[in-house]
Each structure stands twice: as C-alpha cells, then as structure tokens.
Amino acid sequence: MKILIENLEFETILGILPHERIKTQKIRVNCTIEYPYSSNHFINYADVATHIETNMHEKQFELIEEAIDFLSTSLKSEFSLIQTLTLSIRKPDILPNCTVGVEQLYRF
C-alpha cells in the first residue's frame, strides 16, 4: 500500500541565512510511504502530516538536508510499518524565479 501526502504546506523557520532564522517562510512537503497494509495494521495519513508539520515547527532546522534526514528517522520510529519512504521538502518562495528543495528515498 502507498500513502501519498502531496503539497503539505505551512510556514516555519528553515534556513541558515539571518533573515531565515527570524521570519517564517513557506515550506512544501511531499511524502510517499509504502507499507504492508492490513485492516488491523494501517498508517493514518493525518497522523503522518501532523508529525511532519509539528517536528518542522519544533526543530527549526538550519539545513534542509538536516530536516529531511531527521524526518525520515522520526517517521520510521513513529510508524514502524514503513518499508519505503520518499520525502521532499521545498522552499517555493526563497528564490524569485524557481522553487528549490531536496528529495530523498529511504528503504528500511
């Protein structure tokens, strides 16, 4: 089974530049989770989305790479059924003419 969370958007502190440490900016997260679904064992996508947003707010990462690595570890810890996880974190407003971000595939 695959869970898809697309364009989870919120504002938080993320970045190393002085203005990024003071003012929140828009972040967009995409997440694909593969796991062995059964009616007795499933992953609630709302819980996953809340987990991502809560951790991003609490940690206020400097590097986007640190954020994605932390989220992969914390998601696997919280949702042990995860077998494969693809995460992307994008900063749509940091540059005037494009969206930038990182994406990583994790196999557990």
PDB file of N, CA and C in Angstrom:
ATOM      1  N   MET A   1       0.860  -1.176   0.000  1.00  0.00           N
ATOM      2  CA  MET A   1       0.000   0.000   0.000  1.00  0.00           C
ATOM      3  C   MET A   1       0.898   1.229   0.000  1.00  0.00           C
ATOM      4  N   LYS A   2       0.417   2.280  -0.658  1.00  0.00           N
ATOM      5  CA  LYS A   2       1.117   3.562  -0.674  1.00  0.00           C
ATOM      6  C   LYS A   2       0.233   4.637  -0.088  1.00  0.00           C
ATOM      7  N   ILE A   3       0.831   5.443   0.774  1.00  0.00           N
ATOM      8  CA  ILE A   3       0.195   6.664   1.258  1.00  0.00           C
ATOM      9  C   ILE A   3       0.868   7.824   0.538  1.00  0.00           C
ATOM     10  N   LEU A   4       0.069   8.725   0.022  1.00  0.00           N
ATOM     11  CA  LEU A   4       0.587   9.914  -0.656  1.00  0.00           C
ATOM     12  C   LEU A   4       0.139  11.154   0.101  1.00  0.00           C
ATOM     13  N   ILE A   5       1.091  11.961   0.467  1.00  0.00           N
ATOM     14  CA  ILE A   5       0.808  13.274   1.044  1.00  0.00           C
ATOM     15  C   ILE A   5       1.490  14.272   0.126  1.00  0.00           C
ATOM     16  N   GLU A   6       0.691  15.062  -0.550  1.00  0.00           N
ATOM     17  CA  GLU A   6       1.229  15.981  -1.550  1.00  0.00           C
ATOM     18  C   GLU A   6       0.936  17.422  -1.170  1.00  0.00           C
ATOM     19  N   ASN A   7       1.957  18.236  -1.319  1.00  0.00           N
ATOM     20  CA  ASN A   7       1.833  19.685  -1.113  1.00  0.00           C
ATOM     21  C   ASN A   7       1.352  20.058   0.278  1.00  0.00           C
ATOM     22  N   LEU A   8       1.882  19.379   1.281  1.00  0.00           N
ATOM     23  CA  LEU A   8       1.637  19.783   2.669  1.00  0.00           C
ATOM     24  C   LEU A   8       2.365  21.107   2.859  1.00  0.00           C
ATOM     25  N   GLU A   9       1.615  22.165   3.068  1.00  0.00           N
ATOM     26  CA  GLU A   9       2.191  23.498   3.058  1.00  0.00           C
ATOM     27  C   GLU A   9       1.951  24.199   4.389  1.00  0.00           C
ATOM     28  N   PHE A  10       3.010  24.792   4.913  1.00  0.00           N
ATOM     29  CA  PHE A  10       2.933  25.538   6.164  1.00  0.00           C
ATOM     30  C   PHE A  10       4.127  26.492   6.225  1.00  0.00           C
ATOM     31  N   GLU A  11       4.101  27.373   7.198  1.00  0.00           N
ATOM     32  CA  GLU A  11       5.196  28.322   7.390  1.00  0.00           C
ATOM     33  C   GLU A  11       5.974  27.940   8.634  1.00  0.00           C
ATOM     34  N   THR A  12       7.307  28.018   8.521  1.00  0.00           N
ATOM     35  CA  THR A  12       8.172  27.693   9.645  1.00  0.00           C
ATOM     36  C   THR A  12       9.538  28.338   9.439  1.00  0.00           C
ATOM     37  N   ILE A  13      10.388  28.213  10.441  1.00  0.00           N
ATOM     38  CA  ILE A  13      11.775  28.667  10.349  1.00  0.00           C
ATOM     39  C   ILE A  13      12.583  27.531   9.741  1.00  0.00           C
ATOM     40  N   LEU A  14      13.280  27.809   8.634  1.00  0.00           N
ATOM     41  CA  LEU A  14      14.141  26.823   7.984  1.00  0.00           C
ATOM     42  C   LEU A  14      15.168  27.566   7.150  1.00  0.00           C
ATOM     43  N   GLY A  15      16.429  27.440   7.518  1.00  0.00           N
ATOM     44  CA  GLY A  15      17.476  28.076   6.731  1.00  0.00           C
ATOM     45  C   GLY A  15      18.613  28.574   7.597  1.00  0.00           C
ATOM     46  N   ILE A  16      19.714  28.944   6.917  1.00  0.00           N
ATOM     47  CA  ILE A  16      20.903  29.418   7.626  1.00  0.00           C
ATOM     48  C   ILE A  16      21.123  30.927   7.494  1.00  0.00           C
ATOM     49  N   LEU A  17      20.454  31.551   6.538  1.00  0.00           N
ATOM     50  CA  LEU A  17      20.623  32.989   6.370  1.00  0.00           C
ATOM     51  C   LEU A  17      19.968  33.730   7.529  1.00  0.00           C
ATOM     52  N   PRO A  18      20.532  34.869   7.916  1.00  0.00           N
ATOM     53  CA  PRO A  18      19.996  35.598   9.077  1.00  0.00           C
ATOM     54  C   PRO A  18      18.487  35.861   9.001  1.00  0.00           C
ATOM     55  N   HIS A  19      17.995  36.276   7.842  1.00  0.00           N
ATOM     56  CA  HIS A  19      16.558  36.568   7.745  1.00  0.00           C
ATOM     57  C   HIS A  19      15.704  35.298   7.826  1.00  0.00           C
ATOM     58  N   GLU A  20      16.281  34.127   7.459  1.00  0.00           N
ATOM     59  CA  GLU A  20      15.549  32.868   7.546  1.00  0.00           C
ATOM     60  C   GLU A  20      15.421  32.374   8.985  1.00  0.00           C
ATOM     61  N   ARG A  21      16.281  32.872   9.875  1.00  0.00           N
ATOM     62  CA  ARG A  21      16.236  32.473  11.282  1.00  0.00           C
ATOM     63  C   ARG A  21      15.243  33.308  12.075  1.00  0.00           C
ATOM     64  N   ILE A  22      14.767  34.408  11.472  1.00  0.00           N
ATOM     65  CA  ILE A  22      13.862  35.329  12.167  1.00  0.00           C
ATOM     66  C   ILE A  22      12.433  35.205  11.655  1.00  0.00           C
ATOM     67  N   LYS A  23      12.291  35.190  10.338  1.00  0.00           N
ATOM     68  CA  LYS A  23      10.965  35.237   9.716  1.00  0.00           C
ATOM     69  C   LYS A  23      10.614  33.867   9.134  1.00  0.00           C
ATOM     70  N   THR A  24       9.393  33.421   9.391  1.00  0.00           N
ATOM     71  CA  THR A  24       8.962  32.143   8.817  1.00  0.00           C
ATOM     72  C   THR A  24       8.844  32.268   7.306  1.00  0.00           C
ATOM     73  N   GLN A  25       8.961  31.128   6.647  1.00  0.00           N
ATOM     74  CA  GLN A  25       8.767  31.074   5.205  1.00  0.00           C
ATOM     75  C   GLN A  25       7.932  29.853   4.851  1.00  0.00           C
ATOM     76  N   LYS A  26       7.347  29.901   3.685  1.00  0.00           N
ATOM     77  CA  LYS A  26       6.502  28.794   3.224  1.00  0.00           C
ATOM     78  C   LYS A  26       7.379  27.584   2.899  1.00  0.00           C
ATOM     79  N   ILE A  27       6.935  26.425   3.383  1.00  0.00           N
ATOM     80  CA  ILE A  27       7.577  25.141   3.130  1.00  0.00           C
ATOM     81  C   ILE A  27       6.527  24.224   2.524  1.00  0.00           C
ATOM     82  N   ARG A  28       6.948  23.421   1.568  1.00  0.00           N
ATOM     83  CA  ARG A  28       6.044  22.447   0.950  1.00  0.00           C
ATOM     84  C   ARG A  28       6.692  21.061   1.062  1.00  0.00           C
ATOM     85  N   VAL A  29       5.963  20.120   1.647  1.00  0.00           N
ATOM     86  CA  VAL A  29       6.481  18.768   1.861  1.00  0.00           C
ATOM     87  C   VAL A  29       5.626  17.774   1.090  1.00  0.00           C
ATOM     88  N   ASN A  30       6.300  16.843   0.426  1.00  0.00           N
ATOM     89  CA  ASN A  30       5.646  15.709  -0.213  1.00  0.00           C
ATOM     90  C   ASN A  30       6.204  14.442   0.424  1.00  0.00           C
ATOM     91  N   CYS A  31       5.342  13.458   0.596  1.00  0.00           N
ATOM     92  CA  CYS A  31       5.726  12.233   1.289  1.00  0.00           C
ATOM     93  C   CYS A  31       4.989  11.053   0.659  1.00  0.00           C
ATOM     94  N   THR A  32       5.750  10.022   0.330  1.00  0.00           N
ATOM     95  CA  THR A  32       5.162   8.761  -0.126  1.00  0.00           C
ATOM     96  C   THR A  32       5.652   7.665   0.803  1.00  0.00           C
ATOM     97  N   ILE A  33       4.723   6.915   1.341  1.00  0.00           N
ATOM     98  CA  ILE A  33       5.042   5.839   2.270  1.00  0.00           C
ATOM     99  C   ILE A  33       4.515   4.541   1.691  1.00  0.00           C
ATOM    100  N   GLU A  34       5.375   3.531   1.643  1.00  0.00           N
ATOM    101  CA  GLU A  34       4.953   2.183   1.273  1.00  0.00           C
ATOM    102  C   GLU A  34       5.042   1.304   2.507  1.00  0.00           C
ATOM    103  N   TYR A  35       3.986   0.523   2.723  1.00  0.00           N
ATOM    104  CA  TYR A  35       3.947  -0.349   3.893  1.00  0.00           C
ATOM    105  C   TYR A  35       2.977  -1.497   3.634  1.00  0.00           C
ATOM    106  N   PRO A  36       3.097  -2.572   4.428  1.00  0.00           N
ATOM    107  CA  PRO A  36       2.211  -3.722   4.248  1.00  0.00           C
ATOM    108  C   PRO A  36       0.875  -3.496   4.949  1.00  0.00           C
ATOM    109  N   TYR A  37      -0.087  -3.029   4.202  1.00  0.00           N
ATOM    110  CA  TYR A  37      -1.410  -2.708   4.752  1.00  0.00           C
ATOM    111  C   TYR A  37      -2.180  -3.972   5.118  1.00  0.00           C
ATOM    112  N   SER A  38      -2.873  -3.868   6.234  1.00  0.00           N
ATOM    113  CA  SER A  38      -3.928  -4.825   6.570  1.00  0.00           C
ATOM    114  C   SER A  38      -4.973  -4.037   7.350  1.00  0.00           C
ATOM    115  N   SER A  39      -6.169  -4.565   7.425  1.00  0.00           N
ATOM    116  CA  SER A  39      -7.237  -3.830   8.098  1.00  0.00           C
ATOM    117  C   SER A  39      -6.952  -3.635   9.589  1.00  0.00           C
ATOM    118  N   ASN A  40      -6.110  -4.470  10.147  1.00  0.00           N
ATOM    119  CA  ASN A  40      -5.734  -4.341  11.559  1.00  0.00           C
ATOM    120  C   ASN A  40      -4.484  -3.498  11.776  1.00  0.00           C
ATOM    121  N   HIS A  41      -3.702  -3.314  10.723  1.00  0.00           N
ATOM    122  CA  HIS A  41      -2.447  -2.576  10.818  1.00  0.00           C
ATOM    123  C   HIS A  41      -2.361  -1.591   9.660  1.00  0.00           C
ATOM    124  N   PHE A  42      -2.566  -0.330   9.989  1.00  0.00           N
ATOM    125  CA  PHE A  42      -2.509   0.680   8.948  1.00  0.00           C
ATOM    126  C   PHE A  42      -1.872   1.942   9.508  1.00  0.00           C
ATOM    127  N   ILE A  43      -1.457   2.828   8.613  1.00  0.00           N
ATOM    128  CA  ILE A  43      -0.867   4.111   8.993  1.00  0.00           C
ATOM    129  C   ILE A  43      -1.868   5.200   8.649  1.00  0.00           C
ATOM    130  N   ASN A  44      -2.179   6.034   9.614  1.00  0.00           N
ATOM    131  CA  ASN A  44      -3.118   7.135   9.426  1.00  0.00           C
ATOM    132  C   ASN A  44      -2.385   8.311   8.781  1.00  0.00           C
ATOM    133  N   TYR A  45      -2.772   8.676   7.579  1.00  0.00           N
ATOM    134  CA  TYR A  45      -2.078   9.755   6.867  1.00  0.00           C
ATOM    135  C   TYR A  45      -2.189  11.095   7.576  1.00  0.00           C
ATOM    136  N   ALA A  46      -3.273  11.316   8.297  1.00  0.00           N
ATOM    137  CA  ALA A  46      -3.416  12.568   9.054  1.00  0.00           C
ATOM    138  C   ALA A  46      -2.369  12.642  10.167  1.00  0.00           C
ATOM    139  N   ASP A  47      -2.087  11.508  10.797  1.00  0.00           N
ATOM    140  CA  ASP A  47      -1.048  11.470  11.830  1.00  0.00           C
ATOM    141  C   ASP A  47       0.329  11.747  11.232  1.00  0.00           C
ATOM    142  N   VAL A  48       0.580  11.226  10.046  1.00  0.00           N
ATOM    143  CA  VAL A  48       1.858  11.470   9.374  1.00  0.00           C
ATOM    144  C   VAL A  48       2.021  12.957   9.066  1.00  0.00           C
ATOM    145  N   ALA A  49       1.003  13.577   8.509  1.00  0.00           N
ATOM    146  CA  ALA A  49       1.061  15.005   8.173  1.00  0.00           C
ATOM    147  C   ALA A  49       1.285  15.850   9.423  1.00  0.00           C
ATOM    148  N   THR A  50       0.580  15.531  10.491  1.00  0.00           N
ATOM    149  CA  THR A  50       0.753  16.256  11.750  1.00  0.00           C
ATOM    150  C   THR A  50       2.165  16.077  12.295  1.00  0.00           C
ATOM    151  N   HIS A  51       2.691  14.871  12.225  1.00  0.00           N
ATOM    152  CA  HIS A  51       4.045  14.577  12.686  1.00  0.00           C
ATOM    153  C   HIS A  51       5.065  15.434  11.937  1.00  0.00           C
ATOM    154  N   ILE A  52       4.934  15.505  10.636  1.00  0.00           N
ATOM    155  CA  ILE A  52       5.870  16.290   9.820  1.00  0.00           C
ATOM    156  C   ILE A  52       5.811  17.762  10.209  1.00  0.00           C
ATOM    157  N   GLU A  53       4.626  18.317  10.217  1.00  0.00           N
ATOM    158  CA  GLU A  53       4.489  19.743  10.497  1.00  0.00           C
ATOM    159  C   GLU A  53       4.934  20.090  11.919  1.00  0.00           C
ATOM    160  N   THR A  54       4.545  19.289  12.887  1.00  0.00           N
ATOM    161  CA  THR A  54       4.914  19.543  14.280  1.00  0.00           C
ATOM    162  C   THR A  54       6.433  19.531  14.458  1.00  0.00           C
ATOM    163  N   ASN A  55       7.096  18.536  13.879  1.00  0.00           N
ATOM    164  CA  ASN A  55       8.545  18.441  14.023  1.00  0.00           C
ATOM    165  C   ASN A  55       9.277  19.561  13.304  1.00  0.00           C
ATOM    166  N   MET A  56       8.783  19.965  12.165  1.00  0.00           N
ATOM    167  CA  MET A  56       9.409  21.076  11.451  1.00  0.00           C
ATOM    168  C   MET A  56       9.291  22.364  12.265  1.00  0.00           C
ATOM    169  N   HIS A  57       8.158  22.586  12.904  1.00  0.00           N
ATOM    170  CA  HIS A  57       7.974  23.776  13.743  1.00  0.00           C
ATOM    171  C   HIS A  57       8.876  23.726  14.981  1.00  0.00           C
ATOM    172  N   GLU A  58       8.927  22.579  15.627  1.00  0.00           N
ATOM    173  CA  GLU A  58       9.688  22.454  16.873  1.00  0.00           C
ATOM    174  C   GLU A  58      11.193  22.547  16.662  1.00  0.00           C
ATOM    175  N   LYS A  59      11.702  21.940  15.612  1.00  0.00           N
ATOM    176  CA  LYS A  59      13.153  21.836  15.416  1.00  0.00           C
ATOM    177  C   LYS A  59      13.771  23.070  14.767  1.00  0.00           C
ATOM    178  N   GLN A  60      13.029  23.767  13.942  1.00  0.00           N
ATOM    179  CA  GLN A  60      13.537  24.956  13.252  1.00  0.00           C
ATOM    180  C   GLN A  60      14.937  24.707  12.669  1.00  0.00           C
ATOM    181  N   PHE A  61      15.022  23.786  11.753  1.00  0.00           N
ATOM    182  CA  PHE A  61      16.289  23.345  11.168  1.00  0.00           C
ATOM    183  C   PHE A  61      17.000  24.473  10.429  1.00  0.00           C
ATOM    184  N   GLU A  62      18.325  24.397  10.430  1.00  0.00           N
ATOM    185  CA  GLU A  62      19.115  25.335   9.641  1.00  0.00           C
ATOM    186  C   GLU A  62      19.241  24.830   8.199  1.00  0.00           C
ATOM    187  N   LEU A  63      19.582  23.566   8.047  1.00  0.00           N
ATOM    188  CA  LEU A  63      19.754  22.997   6.709  1.00  0.00           C
ATOM    189  C   LEU A  63      18.565  22.128   6.336  1.00  0.00           C
ATOM    190  N   ILE A  64      18.126  22.273   5.118  1.00  0.00           N
ATOM    191  CA  ILE A  64      17.004  21.484   4.623  1.00  0.00           C
ATOM    192  C   ILE A  64      17.368  19.992   4.592  1.00  0.00           C
ATOM    193  N   GLU A  65      18.657  19.706   4.382  1.00  0.00           N
ATOM    194  CA  GLU A  65      19.133  18.322   4.390  1.00  0.00           C
ATOM    195  C   GLU A  65      19.018  17.711   5.785  1.00  0.00           C
ATOM    196  N   GLU A  66      19.297  18.504   6.814  1.00  0.00           N
ATOM    197  CA  GLU A  66      19.126  18.014   8.192  1.00  0.00           C
ATOM    198  C   GLU A  66      17.658  17.724   8.475  1.00  0.00           C
ATOM    199  N   ALA A  67      16.794  18.569   7.977  1.00  0.00           N
ATOM    200  CA  ALA A  67      15.358  18.383   8.197  1.00  0.00           C
ATOM    201  C   ALA A  67      14.873  17.081   7.586  1.00  0.00           C
ATOM    202  N   ILE A  68      15.277  16.813   6.360  1.00  0.00           N
ATOM    203  CA  ILE A  68      14.777  15.614   5.678  1.00  0.00           C
ATOM    204  C   ILE A  68      15.321  14.347   6.333  1.00  0.00           C
ATOM    205  N   ASP A  69      16.579  14.365   6.771  1.00  0.00           N
ATOM    206  CA  ASP A  69      17.139  13.195   7.450  1.00  0.00           C
ATOM    207  C   ASP A  69      16.469  12.966   8.804  1.00  0.00           C
ATOM    208  N   PHE A  70      16.235  14.036   9.546  1.00  0.00           N
ATOM    209  CA  PHE A  70      15.553  13.900  10.836  1.00  0.00           C
ATOM    210  C   PHE A  70      14.149  13.340  10.642  1.00  0.00           C
ATOM    211  N   LEU A  71      13.408  13.890   9.676  1.00  0.00           N
ATOM    212  CA  LEU A  71      12.035  13.421   9.450  1.00  0.00           C
ATOM    213  C   LEU A  71      11.995  11.953   9.071  1.00  0.00           C
ATOM    214  N   SER A  72      12.939  11.498   8.259  1.00  0.00           N
ATOM    215  CA  SER A  72      12.927  10.085   7.866  1.00  0.00           C
ATOM    216  C   SER A  72      13.097   9.191   9.093  1.00  0.00           C
ATOM    217  N   THR A  73      14.011   9.554   9.967  1.00  0.00           N
ATOM    218  CA  THR A  73      14.254   8.768  11.175  1.00  0.00           C
ATOM    219  C   THR A  73      13.060   8.815  12.129  1.00  0.00           C
ATOM    220  N   SER A  74      12.519  10.012  12.320  1.00  0.00           N
ATOM    221  CA  SER A  74      11.404  10.142  13.266  1.00  0.00           C
ATOM    222  C   SER A  74      10.132   9.485  12.734  1.00  0.00           C
ATOM    223  N   LEU A  75       9.899   9.570  11.429  1.00  0.00           N
ATOM    224  CA  LEU A  75       8.724   8.907  10.858  1.00  0.00           C
ATOM    225  C   LEU A  75       8.826   7.388  11.000  1.00  0.00           C
ATOM    226  N   LYS A  76      10.001   6.833  10.709  1.00  0.00           N
ATOM    227  CA  LYS A  76      10.178   5.388  10.841  1.00  0.00           C
ATOM    228  C   LYS A  76      10.022   4.958  12.295  1.00  0.00           C
ATOM    229  N   SER A  77      10.503   5.775  13.216  1.00  0.00           N
ATOM    230  CA  SER A  77      10.368   5.468  14.639  1.00  0.00           C
ATOM    231  C   SER A  77       8.901   5.498  15.084  1.00  0.00           C
ATOM    232  N   GLU A  78       8.175   6.489  14.606  1.00  0.00           N
ATOM    233  CA  GLU A  78       6.771   6.658  14.995  1.00  0.00           C
ATOM    234  C   GLU A  78       5.842   5.674  14.286  1.00  0.00           C
ATOM    235  N   PHE A  79       6.167   5.344  13.037  1.00  0.00           N
ATOM    236  CA  PHE A  79       5.323   4.484  12.206  1.00  0.00           C
ATOM    237  C   PHE A  79       6.169   3.306  11.722  1.00  0.00           C
ATOM    238  N   SER A  80       6.310   2.320  12.569  1.00  0.00           N
ATOM    239  CA  SER A  80       7.254   1.225  12.312  1.00  0.00           C
ATOM    240  C   SER A  80       6.912   0.371  11.093  1.00  0.00           C
ATOM    241  N   LEU A  81       5.687   0.445  10.599  1.00  0.00           N
ATOM    242  CA  LEU A  81       5.310  -0.334   9.419  1.00  0.00           C
ATOM    243  C   LEU A  81       5.951   0.178   8.128  1.00  0.00           C
ATOM    244  N   ILE A  82       6.494   1.382   8.142  1.00  0.00           N
ATOM    245  CA  ILE A  82       7.076   1.969   6.930  1.00  0.00           C
ATOM    246  C   ILE A  82       8.205   1.085   6.407  1.00  0.00           C
ATOM    247  N   GLN A  83       8.107   0.741   5.125  1.00  0.00           N
ATOM    248  CA  GLN A  83       9.167  -0.019   4.459  1.00  0.00           C
ATOM    249  C   GLN A  83       9.977   0.880   3.521  1.00  0.00           C
ATOM    250  N   THR A  84       9.273   1.764   2.825  1.00  0.00           N
ATOM    251  CA  THR A  84       9.923   2.694   1.902  1.00  0.00           C
ATOM    252  C   THR A  84       9.304   4.065   2.112  1.00  0.00           C
ATOM    253  N   LEU A  85      10.154   5.081   2.114  1.00  0.00           N
ATOM    254  CA  LEU A  85       9.716   6.446   2.358  1.00  0.00           C
ATOM    255  C   LEU A  85      10.414   7.365   1.368  1.00  0.00           C
ATOM    256  N   THR A  86       9.639   8.145   0.661  1.00  0.00           N
ATOM    257  CA  THR A  86      10.198   9.196  -0.191  1.00  0.00           C
ATOM    258  C   THR A  86       9.716  10.521   0.363  1.00  0.00           C
ATOM    259  N   LEU A  87      10.669  11.393   0.661  1.00  0.00           N
ATOM    260  CA  LEU A  87      10.355  12.704   1.208  1.00  0.00           C
ATOM    261  C   LEU A  87      10.954  13.785   0.326  1.00  0.00           C
ATOM    262  N   SER A  88      10.220  14.860   0.166  1.00  0.00           N
ATOM    263  CA  SER A  88      10.792  16.053  -0.446  1.00  0.00           C
ATOM    264  C   SER A  88      10.354  17.254   0.368  1.00  0.00           C
ATOM    265  N   ILE A  89      11.281  18.196   0.508  1.00  0.00           N
ATOM    266  CA  ILE A  89      10.995  19.460   1.177  1.00  0.00           C
ATOM    267  C   ILE A  89      11.389  20.553   0.205  1.00  0.00           C
ATOM    268  N   ARG A  90      10.445  21.454  -0.039  1.00  0.00           N
ATOM    269  CA  ARG A  90      10.692  22.535  -0.995  1.00  0.00           C
ATOM    270  C   ARG A  90      10.451  23.885  -0.336  1.00  0.00           C
ATOM    271  N   LYS A  91      11.222  24.863  -0.824  1.00  0.00           N
ATOM    272  CA  LYS A  91      11.072  26.253  -0.391  1.00  0.00           C
ATOM    273  C   LYS A  91      10.624  27.035  -1.629  1.00  0.00           C
ATOM    274  N   PRO A  92       9.322  27.202  -1.812  1.00  0.00           N
ATOM    275  CA  PRO A  92       8.822  27.784  -3.063  1.00  0.00           C
ATOM    276  C   PRO A  92       9.080  29.279  -3.235  1.00  0.00           C
ATOM    277  N   ASP A  93       9.379  29.983  -2.165  1.00  0.00           N
ATOM    278  CA  ASP A  93       9.481  31.444  -2.273  1.00  0.00           C
ATOM    279  C   ASP A  93      10.878  31.999  -1.985  1.00  0.00           C
ATOM    280  N   ILE A  94      11.882  31.136  -1.810  1.00  0.00           N
ATOM    281  CA  ILE A  94      13.200  31.623  -1.411  1.00  0.00           C
ATOM    282  C   ILE A  94      13.947  32.301  -2.566  1.00  0.00           C
ATOM    283  N   LEU A  95      13.750  31.834  -3.783  1.00  0.00           N
ATOM    284  CA  LEU A  95      14.324  32.475  -4.966  1.00  0.00           C
ATOM    285  C   LEU A  95      13.194  33.017  -5.825  1.00  0.00           C
ATOM    286  N   PRO A  96      13.419  34.122  -6.500  1.00  0.00           N
ATOM    287  CA  PRO A  96      12.319  34.769  -7.219  1.00  0.00           C
ATOM    288  C   PRO A  96      11.815  34.019  -8.454  1.00  0.00           C
ATOM    289  N   ASN A  97      12.638  33.145  -9.026  1.00  0.00           N
ATOM    290  CA  ASN A  97      12.253  32.554 -10.308  1.00  0.00           C
ATOM    291  C   ASN A  97      12.162  31.024 -10.301  1.00  0.00           C
ATOM    292  N   CYS A  98      12.191  30.403  -9.108  1.00  0.00           N
ATOM    293  CA  CYS A  98      12.081  28.940  -9.071  1.00  0.00           C
ATOM    294  C   CYS A  98      11.780  28.460  -7.656  1.00  0.00           C
ATOM    295  N   THR A  99      11.441  27.192  -7.567  1.00  0.00           N
ATOM    296  CA  THR A  99      11.292  26.506  -6.286  1.00  0.00           C
ATOM    297  C   THR A  99      12.523  25.647  -6.086  1.00  0.00           C
ATOM    298  N   VAL A 100      13.083  25.651  -4.876  1.00  0.00           N
ATOM    299  CA  VAL A 100      14.249  24.814  -4.585  1.00  0.00           C
ATOM    300  C   VAL A 100      13.898  23.844  -3.471  1.00  0.00           C
ATOM    301  N   GLY A 101      14.662  22.758  -3.390  1.00  0.00           N
ATOM    302  CA  GLY A 101      14.404  21.796  -2.335  1.00  0.00           C
ATOM    303  C   GLY A 101      15.280  20.576  -2.444  1.00  0.00           C
ATOM    304  N   VAL A 102      14.961  19.591  -1.632  1.00  0.00           N
ATOM    305  CA  VAL A 102      15.670  18.315  -1.638  1.00  0.00           C
ATOM    306  C   VAL A 102      14.651  17.183  -1.629  1.00  0.00           C
ATOM    307  N   GLU A 103      15.099  16.035  -2.136  1.00  0.00           N
ATOM    308  CA  GLU A 103      14.260  14.839  -2.139  1.00  0.00           C
ATOM    309  C   GLU A 103      15.148  13.652  -1.856  1.00  0.00           C
ATOM    310  N   GLN A 104      14.623  12.698  -1.076  1.00  0.00           N
ATOM    311  CA  GLN A 104      15.403  11.522  -0.737  1.00  0.00           C
ATOM    312  C   GLN A 104      14.487  10.305  -0.630  1.00  0.00           C
ATOM    313  N   LEU A 105      14.991   9.175  -1.088  1.00  0.00           N
ATOM    314  CA  LEU A 105      14.307   7.889  -0.961  1.00  0.00           C
ATOM    315  C   LEU A 105      14.993   7.091   0.145  1.00  0.00           C
ATOM    316  N   TYR A 106      14.212   6.556   1.069  1.00  0.00           N
ATOM    317  CA  TYR A 106      14.727   5.748   2.171  1.00  0.00           C
ATOM    318  C   TYR A 106      14.088   4.371   2.111  1.00  0.00           C
ATOM    319  N   ARG A 107      14.912   3.341   2.238  1.00  0.00           N
ATOM    320  CA  ARG A 107      14.414   1.969   2.319  1.00  0.00           C
ATOM    321  C   ARG A 107      14.803   1.414   3.680  1.00  0.00           C
ATOM    322  N   PHE A 108      13.829   0.867   4.385  1.00  0.00           N
ATOM    323  CA  PHE A 108      14.080   0.366   5.739  1.00  0.00           C
ATOM    324  C   PHE A 108      13.964  -1.142   5.779  1.00  0.00           C
TER     325      PHE A 108
END
